[in-house]
Amino acid sequence: MSAKAMKVLLLLLLLLPAVSQAAAVADTVTCRKTKGKCSFLLCPLFMRATGTCYNRLAKCCRPLW
């Protein structure tokens, strides 16, 4: 591989953690903006799962009404 290709690969590897963290934040912010709460276990009583939080590690729970 050429030196230029190696530099591009290194740059991509360095940016990967930052991009994955931004996706986790965007997921959680979207949940909070829709008046949801993040739950790692089941959603509380009178709430339903409508999405995910923390990069798909938790559920976004919103009230039924």
PDB file of N, CA and C in Angstrom:
ATOM      1  N   MET A   1       0.837  -1.183   0.000  1.00  0.00           N
ATOM      2  CA  MET A   1       0.000   0.000   0.000  1.00  0.00           C
ATOM      3  C   MET A   1       0.879   1.241   0.000  1.00  0.00           C
ATOM      4  N   SER A   2       0.348   2.282  -0.584  1.00  0.00           N
ATOM      5  CA  SER A   2       1.114   3.519  -0.647  1.00  0.00           C
ATOM      6  C   SER A   2       1.026   4.266   0.684  1.00  0.00           C
ATOM      7  N   ALA A   3       1.902   5.224   0.848  1.00  0.00           N
ATOM      8  CA  ALA A   3       1.939   6.011   2.080  1.00  0.00           C
ATOM      9  C   ALA A   3       0.666   6.851   2.228  1.00  0.00           C
ATOM     10  N   LYS A   4       0.145   7.319   1.104  1.00  0.00           N
ATOM     11  CA  LYS A   4      -1.071   8.127   1.156  1.00  0.00           C
ATOM     12  C   LYS A   4      -2.262   7.289   1.636  1.00  0.00           C
ATOM     13  N   ALA A   5      -2.354   6.064   1.155  1.00  0.00           N
ATOM     14  CA  ALA A   5      -3.440   5.177   1.576  1.00  0.00           C
ATOM     15  C   ALA A   5      -3.323   4.847   3.060  1.00  0.00           C
ATOM     16  N   MET A   6      -2.107   4.668   3.546  1.00  0.00           N
ATOM     17  CA  MET A   6      -1.894   4.382   4.966  1.00  0.00           C
ATOM     18  C   MET A   6      -2.328   5.574   5.823  1.00  0.00           C
ATOM     19  N   LYS A   7      -2.049   6.787   5.359  1.00  0.00           N
ATOM     20  CA  LYS A   7      -2.459   7.981   6.104  1.00  0.00           C
ATOM     21  C   LYS A   7      -3.982   8.096   6.166  1.00  0.00           C
ATOM     22  N   VAL A   8      -4.641   7.770   5.067  1.00  0.00           N
ATOM     23  CA  VAL A   8      -6.100   7.829   5.034  1.00  0.00           C
ATOM     24  C   VAL A   8      -6.688   6.795   5.990  1.00  0.00           C
ATOM     25  N   LEU A   9      -6.138   5.582   5.997  1.00  0.00           N
ATOM     26  CA  LEU A   9      -6.615   4.546   6.912  1.00  0.00           C
ATOM     27  C   LEU A   9      -6.400   4.947   8.364  1.00  0.00           C
ATOM     28  N   LEU A  10      -5.269   5.536   8.659  1.00  0.00           N
ATOM     29  CA  LEU A  10      -4.993   5.983  10.021  1.00  0.00           C
ATOM     30  C   LEU A  10      -5.987   7.071  10.437  1.00  0.00           C
ATOM     31  N   LEU A  11      -6.271   7.989   9.551  1.00  0.00           N
ATOM     32  CA  LEU A  11      -7.233   9.047   9.845  1.00  0.00           C
ATOM     33  C   LEU A  11      -8.624   8.467  10.104  1.00  0.00           C
ATOM     34  N   LEU A  12      -9.027   7.495   9.297  1.00  0.00           N
ATOM     35  CA  LEU A  12     -10.330   6.863   9.498  1.00  0.00           C
ATOM     36  C   LEU A  12     -10.397   6.129  10.830  1.00  0.00           C
ATOM     37  N   LEU A  13      -9.325   5.452  11.197  1.00  0.00           N
ATOM     38  CA  LEU A  13      -9.299   4.741  12.476  1.00  0.00           C
ATOM     39  C   LEU A  13      -9.343   5.703  13.660  1.00  0.00           C
ATOM     40  N   LEU A  14      -8.747   6.870  13.510  1.00  0.00           N
ATOM     41  CA  LEU A  14      -8.768   7.853  14.587  1.00  0.00           C
ATOM     42  C   LEU A  14     -10.134   8.520  14.725  1.00  0.00           C
ATOM     43  N   LEU A  15     -10.847   8.669  13.625  1.00  0.00           N
ATOM     44  CA  LEU A  15     -12.150   9.328  13.660  1.00  0.00           C
ATOM     45  C   LEU A  15     -13.291   8.391  14.051  1.00  0.00           C
ATOM     46  N   LEU A  16     -13.085   7.102  13.962  1.00  0.00           N
ATOM     47  CA  LEU A  16     -14.145   6.140  14.248  1.00  0.00           C
ATOM     48  C   LEU A  16     -14.717   6.264  15.658  1.00  0.00           C
ATOM     49  N   PRO A  17     -13.915   6.362  16.720  1.00  0.00           N
ATOM     50  CA  PRO A  17     -14.507   6.510  18.064  1.00  0.00           C
ATOM     51  C   PRO A  17     -15.311   7.797  18.225  1.00  0.00           C
ATOM     52  N   ALA A  18     -14.868   8.868  17.629  1.00  0.00           N
ATOM     53  CA  ALA A  18     -15.594  10.136  17.743  1.00  0.00           C
ATOM     54  C   ALA A  18     -16.949  10.048  17.053  1.00  0.00           C
ATOM     55  N   VAL A  19     -16.999   9.396  15.920  1.00  0.00           N
ATOM     56  CA  VAL A  19     -18.256   9.262  15.184  1.00  0.00           C
ATOM     57  C   VAL A  19     -19.222   8.356  15.939  1.00  0.00           C
ATOM     58  N   SER A  20     -18.727   7.280  16.527  1.00  0.00           N
ATOM     59  CA  SER A  20     -19.614   6.372  17.255  1.00  0.00           C
ATOM     60  C   SER A  20     -20.168   7.044  18.508  1.00  0.00           C
ATOM     61  N   GLN A  21     -19.383   7.894  19.169  1.00  0.00           N
ATOM     62  CA  GLN A  21     -19.878   8.620  20.335  1.00  0.00           C
ATOM     63  C   GLN A  21     -20.923   9.651  19.928  1.00  0.00           C
ATOM     64  N   ALA A  22     -20.737  10.278  18.794  1.00  0.00           N
ATOM     65  CA  ALA A  22     -21.717  11.256  18.320  1.00  0.00           C
ATOM     66  C   ALA A  22     -23.041  10.571  18.017  1.00  0.00           C
ATOM     67  N   ALA A  23     -23.002   9.354  17.505  1.00  0.00           N
ATOM     68  CA  ALA A  23     -24.235   8.616  17.231  1.00  0.00           C
ATOM     69  C   ALA A  23     -24.953   8.276  18.528  1.00  0.00           C
ATOM     70  N   ALA A  24     -24.213   7.927  19.562  1.00  0.00           N
ATOM     71  CA  ALA A  24     -24.830   7.602  20.850  1.00  0.00           C
ATOM     72  C   ALA A  24     -25.481   8.837  21.453  1.00  0.00           C
ATOM     73  N   VAL A  25     -24.827   9.956  21.352  1.00  0.00           N
ATOM     74  CA  VAL A  25     -25.386  11.193  21.892  1.00  0.00           C
ATOM     75  C   VAL A  25     -26.632  11.581  21.108  1.00  0.00           C
ATOM     76  N   ALA A  26     -26.584  11.473  19.794  1.00  0.00           N
ATOM     77  CA  ALA A  26     -27.735  11.845  18.979  1.00  0.00           C
ATOM     78  C   ALA A  26     -28.935  10.958  19.305  1.00  0.00           C
ATOM     79  N   ASP A  27     -28.700   9.682  19.538  1.00  0.00           N
ATOM     80  CA  ASP A  27     -29.751   8.736  19.886  1.00  0.00           C
ATOM     81  C   ASP A  27     -30.416   9.135  21.201  1.00  0.00           C
ATOM     82  N   THR A  28     -29.614   9.452  22.193  1.00  0.00           N
ATOM     83  CA  THR A  28     -30.124   9.814  23.512  1.00  0.00           C
ATOM     84  C   THR A  28     -30.821  11.169  23.479  1.00  0.00           C
ATOM     85  N   VAL A  29     -30.257  12.122  22.762  1.00  0.00           N
ATOM     86  CA  VAL A  29     -30.858  13.455  22.666  1.00  0.00           C
ATOM     87  C   VAL A  29     -32.218  13.368  21.981  1.00  0.00           C
ATOM     88  N   THR A  30     -32.329  12.551  20.954  1.00  0.00           N
ATOM     89  CA  THR A  30     -33.603  12.374  20.272  1.00  0.00           C
ATOM     90  C   THR A  30     -34.652  11.822  21.225  1.00  0.00           C
ATOM     91  N   CYS A  31     -34.260  10.886  22.056  1.00  0.00           N
ATOM     92  CA  CYS A  31     -35.185  10.323  23.038  1.00  0.00           C
ATOM     93  C   CYS A  31     -35.648  11.393  24.018  1.00  0.00           C
ATOM     94  N   ARG A  32     -34.718  12.165  24.528  1.00  0.00           N
ATOM     95  CA  ARG A  32     -35.074  13.199  25.511  1.00  0.00           C
ATOM     96  C   ARG A  32     -35.947  14.291  24.902  1.00  0.00           C
ATOM     97  N   LYS A  33     -35.703  14.627  23.638  1.00  0.00           N
ATOM     98  CA  LYS A  33     -36.501  15.668  22.984  1.00  0.00           C
ATOM     99  C   LYS A  33     -37.945  15.230  22.780  1.00  0.00           C
ATOM    100  N   THR A  34     -38.177  13.931  22.661  1.00  0.00           N
ATOM    101  CA  THR A  34     -39.540  13.420  22.491  1.00  0.00           C
ATOM    102  C   THR A  34     -40.165  13.066  23.836  1.00  0.00           C
ATOM    103  N   LYS A  35     -39.624  13.648  24.911  1.00  0.00           N
ATOM    104  CA  LYS A  35     -40.114  13.452  26.277  1.00  0.00           C
ATOM    105  C   LYS A  35     -40.024  12.002  26.724  1.00  0.00           C
ATOM    106  N   GLY A  36     -38.962  11.327  26.279  1.00  0.00           N
ATOM    107  CA  GLY A  36     -38.738   9.949  26.685  1.00  0.00           C
ATOM    108  C   GLY A  36     -37.680   9.861  27.765  1.00  0.00           C
ATOM    109  N   LYS A  37     -37.586   8.689  28.375  1.00  0.00           N
ATOM    110  CA  LYS A  37     -36.568   8.422  29.386  1.00  0.00           C
ATOM    111  C   LYS A  37     -35.846   7.147  28.997  1.00  0.00           C
ATOM    112  N   CYS A  38     -34.554   7.110  29.228  1.00  0.00           N
ATOM    113  CA  CYS A  38     -33.753   5.943  28.886  1.00  0.00           C
ATOM    114  C   CYS A  38     -33.806   4.923  30.018  1.00  0.00           C
ATOM    115  N   SER A  39     -34.001   3.658  29.655  1.00  0.00           N
ATOM    116  CA  SER A  39     -34.074   2.589  30.641  1.00  0.00           C
ATOM    117  C   SER A  39     -33.293   1.385  30.130  1.00  0.00           C
ATOM    118  N   PHE A  40     -32.386   0.871  30.958  1.00  0.00           N
ATOM    119  CA  PHE A  40     -31.608  -0.295  30.563  1.00  0.00           C
ATOM    120  C   PHE A  40     -32.396  -1.587  30.740  1.00  0.00           C
ATOM    121  N   LEU A  41     -33.409  -1.569  31.587  1.00  0.00           N
ATOM    122  CA  LEU A  41     -34.252  -2.745  31.801  1.00  0.00           C
ATOM    123  C   LEU A  41     -35.582  -2.525  31.091  1.00  0.00           C
ATOM    124  N   LEU A  42     -36.626  -3.139  31.575  1.00  0.00           N
ATOM    125  CA  LEU A  42     -37.944  -2.933  30.987  1.00  0.00           C
ATOM    126  C   LEU A  42     -38.416  -1.505  31.231  1.00  0.00           C
ATOM    127  N   CYS A  43     -39.296  -1.041  30.374  1.00  0.00           N
ATOM    128  CA  CYS A  43     -39.874   0.287  30.580  1.00  0.00           C
ATOM    129  C   CYS A  43     -40.775   0.250  31.809  1.00  0.00           C
ATOM    130  N   PRO A  44     -40.819   1.343  32.577  1.00  0.00           N
ATOM    131  CA  PRO A  44     -41.691   1.394  33.753  1.00  0.00           C
ATOM    132  C   PRO A  44     -43.169   1.254  33.371  1.00  0.00           C
ATOM    133  N   LEU A  45     -43.990   1.059  34.383  1.00  0.00           N
ATOM    134  CA  LEU A  45     -45.428   0.920  34.198  1.00  0.00           C
ATOM    135  C   LEU A  45     -45.994   2.169  33.525  1.00  0.00           C
ATOM    136  N   PHE A  46     -46.930   1.980  32.637  1.00  0.00           N
ATOM    137  CA  PHE A  46     -47.591   3.043  31.871  1.00  0.00           C
ATOM    138  C   PHE A  46     -46.641   3.746  30.897  1.00  0.00           C
ATOM    139  N   MET A  47     -45.578   3.071  30.501  1.00  0.00           N
ATOM    140  CA  MET A  47     -44.662   3.602  29.485  1.00  0.00           C
ATOM    141  C   MET A  47     -44.413   2.511  28.453  1.00  0.00           C
ATOM    142  N   ARG A  48     -44.072   2.926  27.235  1.00  0.00           N
ATOM    143  CA  ARG A  48     -43.791   1.960  26.175  1.00  0.00           C
ATOM    144  C   ARG A  48     -42.466   2.299  25.510  1.00  0.00           C
ATOM    145  N   ALA A  49     -41.805   1.295  24.978  1.00  0.00           N
ATOM    146  CA  ALA A  49     -40.530   1.488  24.291  1.00  0.00           C
ATOM    147  C   ALA A  49     -40.798   2.052  22.899  1.00  0.00           C
ATOM    148  N   THR A  50     -40.156   3.165  22.577  1.00  0.00           N
ATOM    149  CA  THR A  50     -40.361   3.795  21.270  1.00  0.00           C
ATOM    150  C   THR A  50     -39.071   3.932  20.474  1.00  0.00           C
ATOM    151  N   GLY A  51     -37.949   3.607  21.066  1.00  0.00           N
ATOM    152  CA  GLY A  51     -36.671   3.742  20.376  1.00  0.00           C
ATOM    153  C   GLY A  51     -35.553   3.237  21.261  1.00  0.00           C
ATOM    154  N   THR A  52     -34.352   3.743  21.015  1.00  0.00           N
ATOM    155  CA  THR A  52     -33.191   3.312  21.782  1.00  0.00           C
ATOM    156  C   THR A  52     -32.417   4.513  22.311  1.00  0.00           C
ATOM    157  N   CYS A  53     -31.532   4.232  23.270  1.00  0.00           N
ATOM    158  CA  CYS A  53     -30.643   5.235  23.855  1.00  0.00           C
ATOM    159  C   CYS A  53     -29.249   4.631  23.984  1.00  0.00           C
ATOM    160  N   TYR A  54     -28.283   5.477  24.183  1.00  0.00           N
ATOM    161  CA  TYR A  54     -26.908   5.052  24.450  1.00  0.00           C
ATOM    162  C   TYR A  54     -26.407   4.036  23.424  1.00  0.00           C
ATOM    163  N   ASN A  55     -26.573   4.387  22.163  1.00  0.00           N
ATOM    164  CA  ASN A  55     -26.077   3.567  21.061  1.00  0.00           C
ATOM    165  C   ASN A  55     -26.680   2.165  21.093  1.00  0.00           C
ATOM    166  N   ARG A  56     -27.994   2.104  21.262  1.00  0.00           N
ATOM    167  CA  ARG A  56     -28.791   0.874  21.261  1.00  0.00           C
ATOM    168  C   ARG A  56     -28.565  -0.022  22.468  1.00  0.00           C
ATOM    169  N   LEU A  57     -27.999   0.497  23.536  1.00  0.00           N
ATOM    170  CA  LEU A  57     -27.810  -0.305  24.744  1.00  0.00           C
ATOM    171  C   LEU A  57     -29.012  -0.214  25.676  1.00  0.00           C
ATOM    172  N   ALA A  58     -29.838   0.814  25.530  1.00  0.00           N
ATOM    173  CA  ALA A  58     -30.996   1.012  26.400  1.00  0.00           C
ATOM    174  C   ALA A  58     -32.219   1.335  25.548  1.00  0.00           C
ATOM    175  N   LYS A  59     -33.379   1.257  26.184  1.00  0.00           N
ATOM    176  CA  LYS A  59     -34.632   1.565  25.504  1.00  0.00           C
ATOM    177  C   LYS A  59     -35.046   3.000  25.802  1.00  0.00           C
ATOM    178  N   CYS A  60     -35.681   3.623  24.840  1.00  0.00           N
ATOM    179  CA  CYS A  60     -36.286   4.939  25.050  1.00  0.00           C
ATOM    180  C   CYS A  60     -37.752   4.699  25.385  1.00  0.00           C
ATOM    181  N   CYS A  61     -38.145   5.046  26.599  1.00  0.00           N
ATOM    182  CA  CYS A  61     -39.506   4.799  27.077  1.00  0.00           C
ATOM    183  C   CYS A  61     -40.286   6.104  27.125  1.00  0.00           C
ATOM    184  N   ARG A  62     -41.497   6.084  26.550  1.00  0.00           N
ATOM    185  CA  ARG A  62     -42.373   7.256  26.565  1.00  0.00           C
ATOM    186  C   ARG A  62     -43.697   6.891  27.201  1.00  0.00           C
ATOM    187  N   PRO A  63     -44.376   7.875  27.784  1.00  0.00           N
ATOM    188  CA  PRO A  63     -45.688   7.605  28.381  1.00  0.00           C
ATOM    189  C   PRO A  63     -46.692   7.114  27.337  1.00  0.00           C
ATOM    190  N   LEU A  64     -47.661   6.340  27.790  1.00  0.00           N
ATOM    191  CA  LEU A  64     -48.679   5.816  26.879  1.00  0.00           C
ATOM    192  C   LEU A  64     -49.578   6.913  26.334  1.00  0.00           C
ATOM    193  N   TRP A  65     -49.807   7.981  27.065  1.00  0.00           N
ATOM    194  CA  TRP A  65     -50.685   9.059  26.617  1.00  0.00           C
ATOM    195  C   TRP A  65     -50.010  10.381  26.647  1.00  0.00           C
TER     196      TRP A  65
END
